[in-house]
Amino acid sequence: MTTVSSTFDPWPLLRNDDLRCQRAIRLVVHGRSGGVVPESLIELQKSLQQRRQAPVQLEVLTADTPPVSPEQASWLVPLLLWPGSHARADVLEIRQRMQREGADVDLLPFLGSWQCWWALVAEALQPFASQSSVLVHHPLSSEEADSFLLELSERMGLPLLSFDDWSDYQKSHPEADPLMLALAPNRMTEALSEAGGLPPLLDLALIRQGLIDLLAALP
């Protein structure tokens, strides 16, 4: 999957012919300490805004001040890979805050729940995968997360490992090839780069363009 063509609609249930103009998009991202936004996310925002010709905002979870709500109706899109507290609680609070401000906003499911997203990731990682590959993810702790990770491991055809367990795993599996599942640079991707791990997902051209195409196709 490299583009979203006119013959394939990834959002068939979101079509609304009554919309007079394309909606704005607010992308919820984690960010780094102090609200610092990795360059790959800024480039994603700019490219998407140029494609849609409509406002695209970043709501950074680590920032102190959120952006002002757009005047037109908008999609709230959590660019979060895991069903943790950010996806389950923080995003709902963001929507409620925007609604209190008078915004017309609709919330989409978090990115990690999109089947088309993981198909894109699987395609992009396939050339780098080997028998010793292991997918490394952000630490999670809940029954819901365990079920999610088990299903994802089966879908991707590779074992999944929490970053907290990576150091011990590497000692007993020195041949292990880590594939970090993180959108943008963080302390985990930086640590794994020393072990020969891949760059963050948005640094891979196929994933970056595929995500832009999916978001650009929103009505």
N, C-alpha and C. Protein backbone atom coordinates (compact mmCIF):
# COMPACT_ATOMS: atom_id res chain seq x y z
N MET A 1 0.85 -1.19 0.00
CA MET A 1 0.00 0.00 0.00
C MET A 1 0.88 1.24 0.00
N THR A 2 0.80 2.02 -1.02
CA THR A 2 1.60 3.23 -1.11
C THR A 2 0.77 4.48 -1.29
N THR A 3 -0.41 4.34 -1.85
CA THR A 3 -1.29 5.48 -2.05
C THR A 3 -2.73 5.07 -1.82
N VAL A 4 -3.55 6.05 -1.57
CA VAL A 4 -4.99 5.81 -1.49
C VAL A 4 -5.60 6.33 -2.77
N SER A 5 -6.00 5.45 -3.64
CA SER A 5 -6.49 5.85 -4.95
C SER A 5 -7.95 6.24 -4.88
N SER A 6 -8.43 6.81 -5.99
CA SER A 6 -9.82 7.24 -6.06
C SER A 6 -10.78 6.06 -6.06
N THR A 7 -10.26 4.85 -6.35
CA THR A 7 -11.13 3.68 -6.39
C THR A 7 -11.18 2.97 -5.06
N PHE A 8 -10.37 3.39 -4.11
CA PHE A 8 -10.35 2.77 -2.79
C PHE A 8 -10.61 3.82 -1.74
N ASP A 9 -11.67 3.66 -0.98
CA ASP A 9 -12.04 4.61 0.06
C ASP A 9 -11.77 3.97 1.42
N PRO A 10 -10.74 4.42 2.15
CA PRO A 10 -10.45 3.82 3.45
C PRO A 10 -11.43 4.24 4.53
N TRP A 11 -12.30 5.20 4.25
CA TRP A 11 -13.24 5.71 5.25
C TRP A 11 -14.67 5.66 4.73
N PRO A 12 -15.18 4.49 4.31
CA PRO A 12 -16.50 4.44 3.69
C PRO A 12 -17.63 4.85 4.62
N LEU A 13 -17.45 4.67 5.92
CA LEU A 13 -18.52 5.00 6.87
C LEU A 13 -18.50 6.47 7.28
N LEU A 14 -17.51 7.24 6.81
CA LEU A 14 -17.39 8.63 7.22
C LEU A 14 -17.82 9.59 6.13
N ARG A 15 -18.27 9.05 5.00
CA ARG A 15 -18.68 9.94 3.92
C ARG A 15 -19.86 10.80 4.34
N ASN A 16 -19.84 12.06 3.98
CA ASN A 16 -20.93 12.98 4.31
C ASN A 16 -21.02 14.03 3.20
N ASP A 17 -21.96 13.85 2.29
CA ASP A 17 -22.08 14.75 1.15
C ASP A 17 -22.56 16.14 1.54
N ASP A 18 -23.02 16.29 2.81
CA ASP A 18 -23.51 17.59 3.22
C ASP A 18 -22.39 18.53 3.67
N LEU A 19 -21.16 18.00 3.82
CA LEU A 19 -20.06 18.85 4.23
C LEU A 19 -19.75 19.87 3.13
N ARG A 20 -19.74 21.14 3.50
CA ARG A 20 -19.49 22.19 2.51
C ARG A 20 -18.00 22.40 2.28
N CYS A 21 -17.19 22.03 3.22
CA CYS A 21 -15.75 22.17 3.06
C CYS A 21 -15.06 21.04 3.82
N GLN A 22 -13.83 20.79 3.46
CA GLN A 22 -13.09 19.72 4.11
C GLN A 22 -12.80 20.07 5.56
N ARG A 23 -12.92 19.09 6.41
CA ARG A 23 -12.72 19.33 7.84
C ARG A 23 -11.26 19.60 8.17
N ALA A 24 -11.07 20.30 9.27
CA ALA A 24 -9.74 20.42 9.85
C ALA A 24 -9.40 19.10 10.54
N ILE A 25 -8.14 18.89 10.83
CA ILE A 25 -7.69 17.70 11.55
C ILE A 25 -6.80 18.13 12.71
N ARG A 26 -7.06 17.55 13.87
CA ARG A 26 -6.15 17.71 15.00
C ARG A 26 -5.53 16.35 15.31
N LEU A 27 -4.23 16.27 15.14
CA LEU A 27 -3.48 15.04 15.40
C LEU A 27 -2.97 15.05 16.83
N VAL A 28 -3.36 14.06 17.60
CA VAL A 28 -2.87 13.94 18.98
C VAL A 28 -1.59 13.10 18.95
N VAL A 29 -0.49 13.69 19.41
CA VAL A 29 0.80 13.01 19.42
C VAL A 29 1.39 13.09 20.83
N HIS A 30 2.29 12.17 21.12
CA HIS A 30 2.84 12.15 22.47
C HIS A 30 3.84 13.28 22.68
N GLY A 31 4.77 13.46 21.77
CA GLY A 31 5.80 14.48 21.94
C GLY A 31 6.87 14.02 22.92
N ARG A 32 7.91 14.82 23.02
CA ARG A 32 8.99 14.53 23.95
C ARG A 32 8.89 15.45 25.15
N SER A 33 9.77 15.29 26.10
CA SER A 33 9.72 16.07 27.33
C SER A 33 9.69 17.56 27.02
N GLY A 34 8.82 18.29 27.74
CA GLY A 34 8.70 19.73 27.53
C GLY A 34 7.90 20.11 26.31
N GLY A 35 7.22 19.14 25.70
CA GLY A 35 6.39 19.44 24.55
C GLY A 35 7.15 19.53 23.24
N VAL A 36 8.40 19.07 23.22
CA VAL A 36 9.19 19.09 21.99
C VAL A 36 8.59 18.11 20.98
N VAL A 37 8.42 18.57 19.75
CA VAL A 37 7.82 17.75 18.70
C VAL A 37 8.90 17.30 17.73
N PRO A 38 9.09 16.00 17.53
CA PRO A 38 10.08 15.52 16.56
C PRO A 38 9.80 16.07 15.16
N GLU A 39 10.85 16.29 14.40
CA GLU A 39 10.74 16.88 13.08
C GLU A 39 9.85 16.04 12.16
N SER A 40 9.88 14.72 12.32
CA SER A 40 9.08 13.86 11.44
C SER A 40 7.59 14.13 11.60
N LEU A 41 7.15 14.49 12.80
CA LEU A 41 5.74 14.80 13.02
C LEU A 41 5.39 16.18 12.46
N ILE A 42 6.31 17.12 12.55
CA ILE A 42 6.08 18.44 11.98
C ILE A 42 5.99 18.34 10.46
N GLU A 43 6.85 17.54 9.86
CA GLU A 43 6.80 17.35 8.41
C GLU A 43 5.51 16.67 7.99
N LEU A 44 5.05 15.70 8.80
CA LEU A 44 3.77 15.04 8.52
C LEU A 44 2.64 16.06 8.53
N GLN A 45 2.62 16.91 9.54
CA GLN A 45 1.58 17.94 9.64
C GLN A 45 1.60 18.86 8.42
N LYS A 46 2.76 19.33 8.03
CA LYS A 46 2.87 20.26 6.91
C LYS A 46 2.45 19.60 5.60
N SER A 47 2.89 18.37 5.38
CA SER A 47 2.55 17.67 4.14
C SER A 47 1.06 17.41 4.06
N LEU A 48 0.46 17.02 5.17
CA LEU A 48 -0.97 16.74 5.19
C LEU A 48 -1.78 18.00 4.98
N GLN A 49 -1.38 19.09 5.60
CA GLN A 49 -2.10 20.35 5.44
C GLN A 49 -2.03 20.82 3.99
N GLN A 50 -0.88 20.63 3.35
CA GLN A 50 -0.75 21.02 1.95
C GLN A 50 -1.65 20.17 1.06
N ARG A 51 -1.74 18.88 1.36
CA ARG A 51 -2.58 17.98 0.57
C ARG A 51 -4.06 18.32 0.72
N ARG A 52 -4.48 18.56 1.94
CA ARG A 52 -5.91 18.76 2.20
C ARG A 52 -6.37 20.19 1.96
N GLN A 53 -5.45 21.14 2.01
CA GLN A 53 -5.82 22.55 1.91
C GLN A 53 -6.83 22.92 3.00
N ALA A 54 -6.56 22.40 4.20
CA ALA A 54 -7.39 22.66 5.37
C ALA A 54 -6.47 22.58 6.59
N PRO A 55 -6.85 23.24 7.69
CA PRO A 55 -5.97 23.27 8.86
C PRO A 55 -5.66 21.87 9.41
N VAL A 56 -4.41 21.65 9.77
CA VAL A 56 -3.97 20.44 10.45
C VAL A 56 -3.18 20.88 11.68
N GLN A 57 -3.67 20.52 12.85
CA GLN A 57 -3.05 20.92 14.10
C GLN A 57 -2.38 19.73 14.79
N LEU A 58 -1.41 20.03 15.64
CA LEU A 58 -0.81 19.03 16.51
C LEU A 58 -1.19 19.33 17.96
N GLU A 59 -1.79 18.36 18.61
CA GLU A 59 -2.02 18.46 20.06
C GLU A 59 -0.99 17.55 20.71
N VAL A 60 -0.04 18.15 21.41
CA VAL A 60 1.10 17.42 21.98
C VAL A 60 0.82 17.14 23.45
N LEU A 61 0.78 15.86 23.81
CA LEU A 61 0.39 15.48 25.17
C LEU A 61 1.37 15.99 26.22
N THR A 62 2.61 16.20 25.84
CA THR A 62 3.61 16.66 26.81
C THR A 62 3.72 18.19 26.85
N ALA A 63 2.93 18.89 26.04
CA ALA A 63 2.97 20.35 26.02
C ALA A 63 2.02 20.93 27.06
N ASP A 64 2.31 22.13 27.49
CA ASP A 64 1.48 22.78 28.51
C ASP A 64 0.23 23.42 27.93
N THR A 65 0.32 23.91 26.70
CA THR A 65 -0.78 24.68 26.11
C THR A 65 -1.27 24.02 24.83
N PRO A 66 -2.57 23.72 24.73
CA PRO A 66 -3.11 23.12 23.50
C PRO A 66 -3.36 24.19 22.46
N PRO A 67 -3.48 23.81 21.19
CA PRO A 67 -3.81 24.80 20.15
C PRO A 67 -5.25 25.28 20.29
N VAL A 68 -5.53 26.41 19.70
CA VAL A 68 -6.89 26.96 19.69
C VAL A 68 -7.72 26.13 18.70
N SER A 69 -8.94 25.80 19.09
CA SER A 69 -9.79 24.98 18.23
C SER A 69 -10.09 25.70 16.91
N PRO A 70 -10.06 24.96 15.80
CA PRO A 70 -10.35 25.58 14.49
C PRO A 70 -11.81 26.01 14.40
N GLU A 71 -12.09 26.92 13.48
CA GLU A 71 -13.46 27.41 13.32
C GLU A 71 -14.35 26.38 12.66
N GLN A 72 -13.81 25.62 11.71
CA GLN A 72 -14.64 24.63 11.04
C GLN A 72 -14.66 23.31 11.80
N ALA A 73 -15.57 22.44 11.39
CA ALA A 73 -15.65 21.11 11.99
C ALA A 73 -14.32 20.39 11.81
N SER A 74 -14.00 19.48 12.74
CA SER A 74 -12.69 18.84 12.68
C SER A 74 -12.75 17.38 13.11
N TRP A 75 -11.74 16.65 12.68
CA TRP A 75 -11.51 15.29 13.14
C TRP A 75 -10.43 15.33 14.21
N LEU A 76 -10.65 14.60 15.28
CA LEU A 76 -9.63 14.42 16.31
C LEU A 76 -9.03 13.04 16.09
N VAL A 77 -7.74 13.00 15.73
CA VAL A 77 -7.11 11.75 15.31
C VAL A 77 -5.95 11.42 16.24
N PRO A 78 -6.09 10.43 17.12
CA PRO A 78 -5.00 10.06 18.02
C PRO A 78 -3.93 9.25 17.28
N LEU A 79 -2.77 9.84 17.04
CA LEU A 79 -1.66 9.11 16.42
C LEU A 79 -0.91 8.35 17.52
N LEU A 80 -1.61 7.43 18.13
CA LEU A 80 -1.10 6.63 19.24
C LEU A 80 -1.20 5.16 18.86
N LEU A 81 -0.14 4.41 19.12
CA LEU A 81 -0.10 3.03 18.67
C LEU A 81 -0.70 2.04 19.66
N TRP A 82 -0.83 2.43 20.93
CA TRP A 82 -1.14 1.44 21.97
C TRP A 82 -2.38 1.83 22.77
N PRO A 83 -3.12 0.84 23.26
CA PRO A 83 -4.34 1.11 24.04
C PRO A 83 -4.03 1.42 25.50
N GLY A 84 -3.15 2.38 25.71
CA GLY A 84 -2.79 2.78 27.06
C GLY A 84 -3.67 3.90 27.56
N SER A 85 -3.24 4.55 28.64
CA SER A 85 -4.06 5.60 29.25
C SER A 85 -4.24 6.81 28.34
N HIS A 86 -3.25 7.09 27.50
CA HIS A 86 -3.41 8.23 26.59
C HIS A 86 -4.58 8.00 25.64
N ALA A 87 -4.65 6.80 25.07
CA ALA A 87 -5.71 6.49 24.12
C ALA A 87 -7.06 6.32 24.81
N ARG A 88 -7.05 5.78 26.04
CA ARG A 88 -8.30 5.46 26.72
C ARG A 88 -8.87 6.63 27.51
N ALA A 89 -8.03 7.56 27.96
CA ALA A 89 -8.52 8.63 28.83
C ALA A 89 -8.16 10.02 28.32
N ASP A 90 -6.89 10.26 28.03
CA ASP A 90 -6.46 11.61 27.68
C ASP A 90 -7.15 12.13 26.43
N VAL A 91 -7.31 11.26 25.43
CA VAL A 91 -7.93 11.70 24.18
C VAL A 91 -9.39 12.09 24.41
N LEU A 92 -10.09 11.36 25.26
CA LEU A 92 -11.48 11.71 25.57
C LEU A 92 -11.55 13.07 26.26
N GLU A 93 -10.60 13.35 27.13
CA GLU A 93 -10.56 14.65 27.80
C GLU A 93 -10.30 15.77 26.80
N ILE A 94 -9.46 15.50 25.81
CA ILE A 94 -9.20 16.51 24.78
C ILE A 94 -10.48 16.81 24.00
N ARG A 95 -11.21 15.77 23.63
CA ARG A 95 -12.46 15.99 22.90
C ARG A 95 -13.44 16.80 23.76
N GLN A 96 -13.56 16.46 25.02
CA GLN A 96 -14.48 17.17 25.90
C GLN A 96 -14.08 18.64 26.04
N ARG A 97 -12.79 18.90 26.14
CA ARG A 97 -12.32 20.28 26.25
C ARG A 97 -12.65 21.06 24.98
N MET A 98 -12.41 20.44 23.82
CA MET A 98 -12.72 21.11 22.56
C MET A 98 -14.22 21.38 22.44
N GLN A 99 -15.05 20.44 22.89
CA GLN A 99 -16.49 20.64 22.84
C GLN A 99 -16.93 21.77 23.78
N ARG A 100 -16.29 21.87 24.93
CA ARG A 100 -16.61 22.98 25.85
C ARG A 100 -16.24 24.32 25.22
N GLU A 101 -15.24 24.32 24.36
CA GLU A 101 -14.83 25.54 23.66
C GLU A 101 -15.76 25.85 22.48
N GLY A 102 -16.74 24.97 22.24
CA GLY A 102 -17.69 25.18 21.16
C GLY A 102 -17.30 24.55 19.85
N ALA A 103 -16.28 23.70 19.86
CA ALA A 103 -15.82 23.08 18.62
C ALA A 103 -16.75 21.96 18.19
N ASP A 104 -16.89 21.81 16.88
CA ASP A 104 -17.61 20.68 16.29
C ASP A 104 -16.55 19.64 15.94
N VAL A 105 -16.40 18.62 16.79
CA VAL A 105 -15.29 17.69 16.65
C VAL A 105 -15.78 16.25 16.76
N ASP A 106 -15.26 15.41 15.88
CA ASP A 106 -15.53 13.98 15.91
C ASP A 106 -14.23 13.23 16.15
N LEU A 107 -14.28 12.27 17.05
CA LEU A 107 -13.09 11.51 17.44
C LEU A 107 -12.99 10.22 16.66
N LEU A 108 -11.83 9.96 16.07
CA LEU A 108 -11.55 8.69 15.41
C LEU A 108 -10.85 7.74 16.39
N PRO A 109 -10.92 6.43 16.17
CA PRO A 109 -10.17 5.49 17.00
C PRO A 109 -8.67 5.75 16.90
N PHE A 110 -7.92 5.32 17.92
CA PHE A 110 -6.48 5.55 17.91
C PHE A 110 -5.81 4.76 16.78
N LEU A 111 -4.70 5.27 16.29
CA LEU A 111 -4.03 4.74 15.10
C LEU A 111 -3.76 3.24 15.20
N GLY A 112 -3.34 2.77 16.37
CA GLY A 112 -3.00 1.36 16.53
C GLY A 112 -4.17 0.40 16.37
N SER A 113 -5.39 0.92 16.32
CA SER A 113 -6.56 0.07 16.13
C SER A 113 -6.95 -0.03 14.65
N TRP A 114 -6.26 0.68 13.78
CA TRP A 114 -6.58 0.67 12.35
C TRP A 114 -5.92 -0.55 11.70
N GLN A 115 -6.71 -1.43 11.12
CA GLN A 115 -6.16 -2.60 10.44
C GLN A 115 -5.29 -2.18 9.25
N CYS A 116 -5.70 -1.13 8.55
CA CYS A 116 -4.93 -0.69 7.38
C CYS A 116 -3.56 -0.15 7.79
N TRP A 117 -3.47 0.38 8.99
CA TRP A 117 -2.18 0.88 9.48
C TRP A 117 -1.19 -0.26 9.66
N TRP A 118 -1.62 -1.33 10.32
CA TRP A 118 -0.70 -2.44 10.57
C TRP A 118 -0.37 -3.18 9.28
N ALA A 119 -1.28 -3.18 8.31
CA ALA A 119 -0.95 -3.75 7.01
C ALA A 119 0.17 -2.95 6.36
N LEU A 120 0.11 -1.64 6.50
CA LEU A 120 1.14 -0.76 5.97
C LEU A 120 2.47 -1.00 6.67
N VAL A 121 2.44 -1.11 8.00
CA VAL A 121 3.67 -1.34 8.77
C VAL A 121 4.28 -2.69 8.41
N ALA A 122 3.44 -3.72 8.29
CA ALA A 122 3.94 -5.05 7.94
C ALA A 122 4.63 -5.03 6.59
N GLU A 123 4.03 -4.33 5.63
CA GLU A 123 4.62 -4.24 4.30
C GLU A 123 5.97 -3.53 4.34
N ALA A 124 6.05 -2.45 5.12
CA ALA A 124 7.28 -1.66 5.19
C ALA A 124 8.40 -2.39 5.92
N LEU A 125 8.05 -3.19 6.93
CA LEU A 125 9.07 -3.88 7.73
C LEU A 125 9.51 -5.20 7.12
N GLN A 126 8.72 -5.72 6.18
CA GLN A 126 9.01 -7.05 5.64
C GLN A 126 10.43 -7.18 5.09
N PRO A 127 10.97 -6.19 4.36
CA PRO A 127 12.33 -6.34 3.84
C PRO A 127 13.40 -6.40 4.92
N PHE A 128 13.08 -5.92 6.14
CA PHE A 128 14.07 -5.87 7.21
C PHE A 128 13.93 -7.04 8.18
N ALA A 129 12.85 -7.79 8.09
CA ALA A 129 12.57 -8.85 9.06
C ALA A 129 13.41 -10.09 8.75
N SER A 130 13.76 -10.80 9.82
CA SER A 130 14.50 -12.05 9.70
C SER A 130 14.01 -13.01 10.79
N GLN A 131 14.57 -14.21 10.82
CA GLN A 131 14.17 -15.19 11.83
C GLN A 131 14.52 -14.74 13.24
N SER A 132 15.47 -13.82 13.36
CA SER A 132 15.87 -13.35 14.68
C SER A 132 15.22 -12.02 15.05
N SER A 133 14.31 -11.54 14.21
CA SER A 133 13.66 -10.25 14.47
C SER A 133 12.66 -10.35 15.61
N VAL A 134 12.59 -9.30 16.39
CA VAL A 134 11.58 -9.19 17.45
C VAL A 134 11.06 -7.75 17.44
N LEU A 135 9.75 -7.61 17.52
CA LEU A 135 9.12 -6.30 17.55
C LEU A 135 9.13 -5.78 18.98
N VAL A 136 9.70 -4.60 19.18
CA VAL A 136 9.82 -4.02 20.52
C VAL A 136 8.79 -2.89 20.64
N HIS A 137 8.03 -2.91 21.73
CA HIS A 137 6.95 -1.94 21.90
C HIS A 137 7.08 -1.19 23.21
N HIS A 138 6.35 -0.12 23.30
CA HIS A 138 6.28 0.68 24.53
C HIS A 138 5.70 -0.19 25.66
N PRO A 139 6.24 -0.11 26.87
CA PRO A 139 5.71 -0.91 27.98
C PRO A 139 4.22 -0.65 28.23
N LEU A 140 3.47 -1.72 28.40
CA LEU A 140 2.04 -1.65 28.66
C LEU A 140 1.70 -2.60 29.80
N SER A 141 0.62 -2.31 30.52
CA SER A 141 0.24 -3.19 31.62
C SER A 141 -1.28 -3.15 31.83
N SER A 142 -1.97 -4.05 31.16
CA SER A 142 -3.40 -4.22 31.36
C SER A 142 -3.83 -5.46 30.59
N GLU A 143 -4.96 -6.05 31.00
CA GLU A 143 -5.47 -7.22 30.29
C GLU A 143 -5.82 -6.85 28.85
N GLU A 144 -6.36 -5.65 28.68
CA GLU A 144 -6.72 -5.18 27.34
C GLU A 144 -5.47 -5.09 26.47
N ALA A 145 -4.38 -4.59 27.04
CA ALA A 145 -3.14 -4.47 26.28
C ALA A 145 -2.57 -5.83 25.94
N ASP A 146 -2.64 -6.78 26.87
CA ASP A 146 -2.12 -8.13 26.61
C ASP A 146 -2.83 -8.76 25.43
N SER A 147 -4.14 -8.63 25.40
CA SER A 147 -4.92 -9.18 24.29
C SER A 147 -4.56 -8.49 22.98
N PHE A 148 -4.41 -7.19 23.04
CA PHE A 148 -4.05 -6.40 21.86
C PHE A 148 -2.70 -6.85 21.31
N LEU A 149 -1.71 -7.02 22.19
CA LEU A 149 -0.37 -7.40 21.77
C LEU A 149 -0.33 -8.81 21.20
N LEU A 150 -1.10 -9.72 21.80
CA LEU A 150 -1.15 -11.09 21.29
C LEU A 150 -1.71 -11.11 19.87
N GLU A 151 -2.78 -10.39 19.66
CA GLU A 151 -3.40 -10.33 18.32
C GLU A 151 -2.45 -9.69 17.32
N LEU A 152 -1.74 -8.64 17.75
CA LEU A 152 -0.82 -7.94 16.85
C LEU A 152 0.36 -8.84 16.49
N SER A 153 0.88 -9.58 17.45
CA SER A 153 1.99 -10.49 17.19
C SER A 153 1.60 -11.53 16.15
N GLU A 154 0.39 -12.06 16.29
CA GLU A 154 -0.10 -13.06 15.33
C GLU A 154 -0.26 -12.43 13.94
N ARG A 155 -0.74 -11.21 13.91
CA ARG A 155 -0.95 -10.53 12.63
C ARG A 155 0.38 -10.24 11.94
N MET A 156 1.38 -9.81 12.71
CA MET A 156 2.66 -9.43 12.14
C MET A 156 3.57 -10.63 11.90
N GLY A 157 3.26 -11.76 12.54
CA GLY A 157 4.06 -12.96 12.36
C GLY A 157 5.42 -12.90 13.02
N LEU A 158 5.56 -12.05 14.05
CA LEU A 158 6.80 -11.90 14.78
C LEU A 158 6.51 -11.76 16.27
N PRO A 159 7.44 -12.18 17.13
CA PRO A 159 7.23 -12.00 18.58
C PRO A 159 7.30 -10.52 18.96
N LEU A 160 6.52 -10.16 19.98
CA LEU A 160 6.54 -8.80 20.51
C LEU A 160 7.18 -8.82 21.89
N LEU A 161 7.93 -7.77 22.18
CA LEU A 161 8.66 -7.68 23.44
C LEU A 161 8.57 -6.26 23.97
N SER A 162 8.28 -6.11 25.27
CA SER A 162 8.28 -4.80 25.89
C SER A 162 9.70 -4.25 25.95
N PHE A 163 9.85 -2.95 25.77
CA PHE A 163 11.16 -2.33 25.85
C PHE A 163 11.81 -2.58 27.21
N ASP A 164 11.01 -2.66 28.25
CA ASP A 164 11.54 -2.92 29.59
C ASP A 164 12.25 -4.26 29.67
N ASP A 165 11.88 -5.18 28.81
CA ASP A 165 12.46 -6.53 28.83
C ASP A 165 13.58 -6.71 27.81
N TRP A 166 13.84 -5.68 27.02
CA TRP A 166 14.79 -5.83 25.93
C TRP A 166 16.20 -6.16 26.40
N SER A 167 16.68 -5.47 27.44
CA SER A 167 18.05 -5.67 27.90
C SER A 167 18.30 -7.12 28.30
N ASP A 168 17.40 -7.69 29.10
CA ASP A 168 17.56 -9.09 29.52
C ASP A 168 17.42 -10.03 28.33
N TYR A 169 16.51 -9.72 27.43
CA TYR A 169 16.30 -10.57 26.27
C TYR A 169 17.55 -10.58 25.39
N GLN A 170 18.17 -9.44 25.23
CA GLN A 170 19.35 -9.35 24.37
C GLN A 170 20.51 -10.18 24.94
N LYS A 171 20.60 -10.24 26.27
CA LYS A 171 21.68 -11.01 26.89
C LYS A 171 21.55 -12.50 26.57
N SER A 172 20.32 -12.99 26.55
CA SER A 172 20.10 -14.41 26.27
C SER A 172 19.91 -14.69 24.78
N HIS A 173 19.69 -13.62 23.99
CA HIS A 173 19.52 -13.75 22.55
C HIS A 173 20.39 -12.69 21.85
N PRO A 174 21.70 -12.84 21.88
CA PRO A 174 22.58 -11.81 21.31
C PRO A 174 22.39 -11.59 19.82
N GLU A 175 21.78 -12.58 19.15
CA GLU A 175 21.55 -12.44 17.72
C GLU A 175 20.26 -11.69 17.41
N ALA A 176 19.50 -11.30 18.43
CA ALA A 176 18.19 -10.68 18.24
C ALA A 176 18.30 -9.39 17.43
N ASP A 177 17.36 -9.22 16.53
CA ASP A 177 17.29 -8.05 15.66
C ASP A 177 16.06 -7.24 16.04
N PRO A 178 16.20 -6.10 16.76
CA PRO A 178 15.05 -5.35 17.24
C PRO A 178 14.42 -4.48 16.17
N LEU A 179 13.11 -4.56 16.06
CA LEU A 179 12.34 -3.66 15.19
C LEU A 179 11.43 -2.85 16.09
N MET A 180 11.78 -1.60 16.34
CA MET A 180 11.06 -0.77 17.30
C MET A 180 9.78 -0.22 16.69
N LEU A 181 8.66 -0.46 17.36
CA LEU A 181 7.37 0.06 16.92
C LEU A 181 7.11 1.39 17.61
N ALA A 182 7.65 2.45 17.03
CA ALA A 182 7.46 3.81 17.55
C ALA A 182 7.34 4.74 16.36
N LEU A 183 6.40 5.66 16.42
CA LEU A 183 6.18 6.57 15.30
C LEU A 183 7.36 7.50 15.08
N ALA A 184 7.84 8.12 16.14
CA ALA A 184 8.84 9.17 16.05
C ALA A 184 9.97 8.90 17.04
N PRO A 185 11.08 9.61 16.93
CA PRO A 185 12.21 9.38 17.83
C PRO A 185 11.83 9.56 19.30
N ASN A 186 12.31 8.65 20.13
CA ASN A 186 12.16 8.77 21.58
C ASN A 186 13.34 8.05 22.23
N ARG A 187 13.34 7.97 23.55
CA ARG A 187 14.48 7.37 24.23
C ARG A 187 14.64 5.89 23.86
N MET A 188 13.54 5.23 23.54
CA MET A 188 13.61 3.82 23.19
C MET A 188 14.24 3.61 21.82
N THR A 189 13.84 4.41 20.83
CA THR A 189 14.42 4.25 19.50
C THR A 189 15.90 4.61 19.53
N GLU A 190 16.25 5.58 20.35
CA GLU A 190 17.66 5.97 20.45
C GLU A 190 18.49 4.87 21.09
N ALA A 191 17.93 4.20 22.12
CA ALA A 191 18.64 3.11 22.75
C ALA A 191 18.80 1.93 21.81
N LEU A 192 17.75 1.62 21.05
CA LEU A 192 17.80 0.47 20.15
C LEU A 192 18.65 0.74 18.91
N SER A 193 18.86 1.99 18.58
CA SER A 193 19.70 2.29 17.43
C SER A 193 21.12 1.78 17.66
N GLU A 194 21.53 1.73 18.92
CA GLU A 194 22.86 1.22 19.26
C GLU A 194 22.94 -0.29 19.04
N ALA A 195 21.78 -0.96 19.01
CA ALA A 195 21.76 -2.40 18.77
C ALA A 195 21.45 -2.71 17.31
N GLY A 196 21.51 -1.69 16.48
CA GLY A 196 21.26 -1.89 15.06
C GLY A 196 19.80 -1.86 14.69
N GLY A 197 18.96 -1.31 15.56
CA GLY A 197 17.53 -1.26 15.28
C GLY A 197 17.20 -0.28 14.17
N LEU A 198 16.02 -0.46 13.58
CA LEU A 198 15.55 0.43 12.53
C LEU A 198 15.21 1.80 13.10
N PRO A 199 15.16 2.83 12.25
CA PRO A 199 14.71 4.14 12.71
C PRO A 199 13.21 4.10 13.03
N PRO A 200 12.67 5.17 13.62
CA PRO A 200 11.24 5.23 13.89
C PRO A 200 10.42 5.04 12.62
N LEU A 201 9.18 4.61 12.78
CA LEU A 201 8.35 4.25 11.64
C LEU A 201 8.16 5.38 10.63
N LEU A 202 7.99 6.60 11.12
CA LEU A 202 7.76 7.71 10.19
C LEU A 202 9.00 8.07 9.39
N ASP A 203 10.15 7.52 9.73
CA ASP A 203 11.35 7.74 8.94
C ASP A 203 11.41 6.80 7.74
N LEU A 204 10.49 5.83 7.69
CA LEU A 204 10.42 4.93 6.54
C LEU A 204 9.45 5.52 5.52
N ALA A 205 9.93 5.72 4.30
CA ALA A 205 9.16 6.46 3.29
C ALA A 205 7.80 5.83 3.01
N LEU A 206 7.73 4.50 2.95
CA LEU A 206 6.47 3.83 2.65
C LEU A 206 5.44 4.11 3.73
N ILE A 207 5.85 4.07 4.98
CA ILE A 207 4.92 4.32 6.08
C ILE A 207 4.51 5.78 6.13
N ARG A 208 5.47 6.67 5.99
CA ARG A 208 5.16 8.10 6.05
C ARG A 208 4.16 8.49 4.97
N GLN A 209 4.41 8.06 3.73
CA GLN A 209 3.51 8.42 2.63
C GLN A 209 2.17 7.72 2.78
N GLY A 210 2.19 6.48 3.23
CA GLY A 210 0.94 5.75 3.41
C GLY A 210 0.05 6.40 4.45
N LEU A 211 0.63 6.88 5.55
CA LEU A 211 -0.16 7.54 6.59
C LEU A 211 -0.70 8.87 6.08
N ILE A 212 0.11 9.61 5.35
CA ILE A 212 -0.37 10.86 4.77
C ILE A 212 -1.56 10.60 3.85
N ASP A 213 -1.46 9.55 3.03
CA ASP A 213 -2.55 9.23 2.11
C ASP A 213 -3.82 8.88 2.87
N LEU A 214 -3.70 8.09 3.93
CA LEU A 214 -4.87 7.71 4.71
C LEU A 214 -5.55 8.94 5.34
N LEU A 215 -4.74 9.83 5.92
CA LEU A 215 -5.31 11.01 6.57
C LEU A 215 -5.85 12.00 5.55
N ALA A 216 -5.18 12.10 4.41
CA ALA A 216 -5.65 13.02 3.37
C ALA A 216 -7.00 12.58 2.81
N ALA A 217 -7.31 11.28 2.89
CA ALA A 217 -8.56 10.75 2.35
C ALA A 217 -9.75 11.00 3.26
N LEU A 218 -9.52 11.49 4.48
CA LEU A 218 -10.63 11.84 5.36
C LEU A 218 -11.47 12.94 4.73
N PRO A 219 -12.79 12.87 4.87
CA PRO A 219 -13.63 13.91 4.28
C PRO A 219 -13.47 15.26 5.00
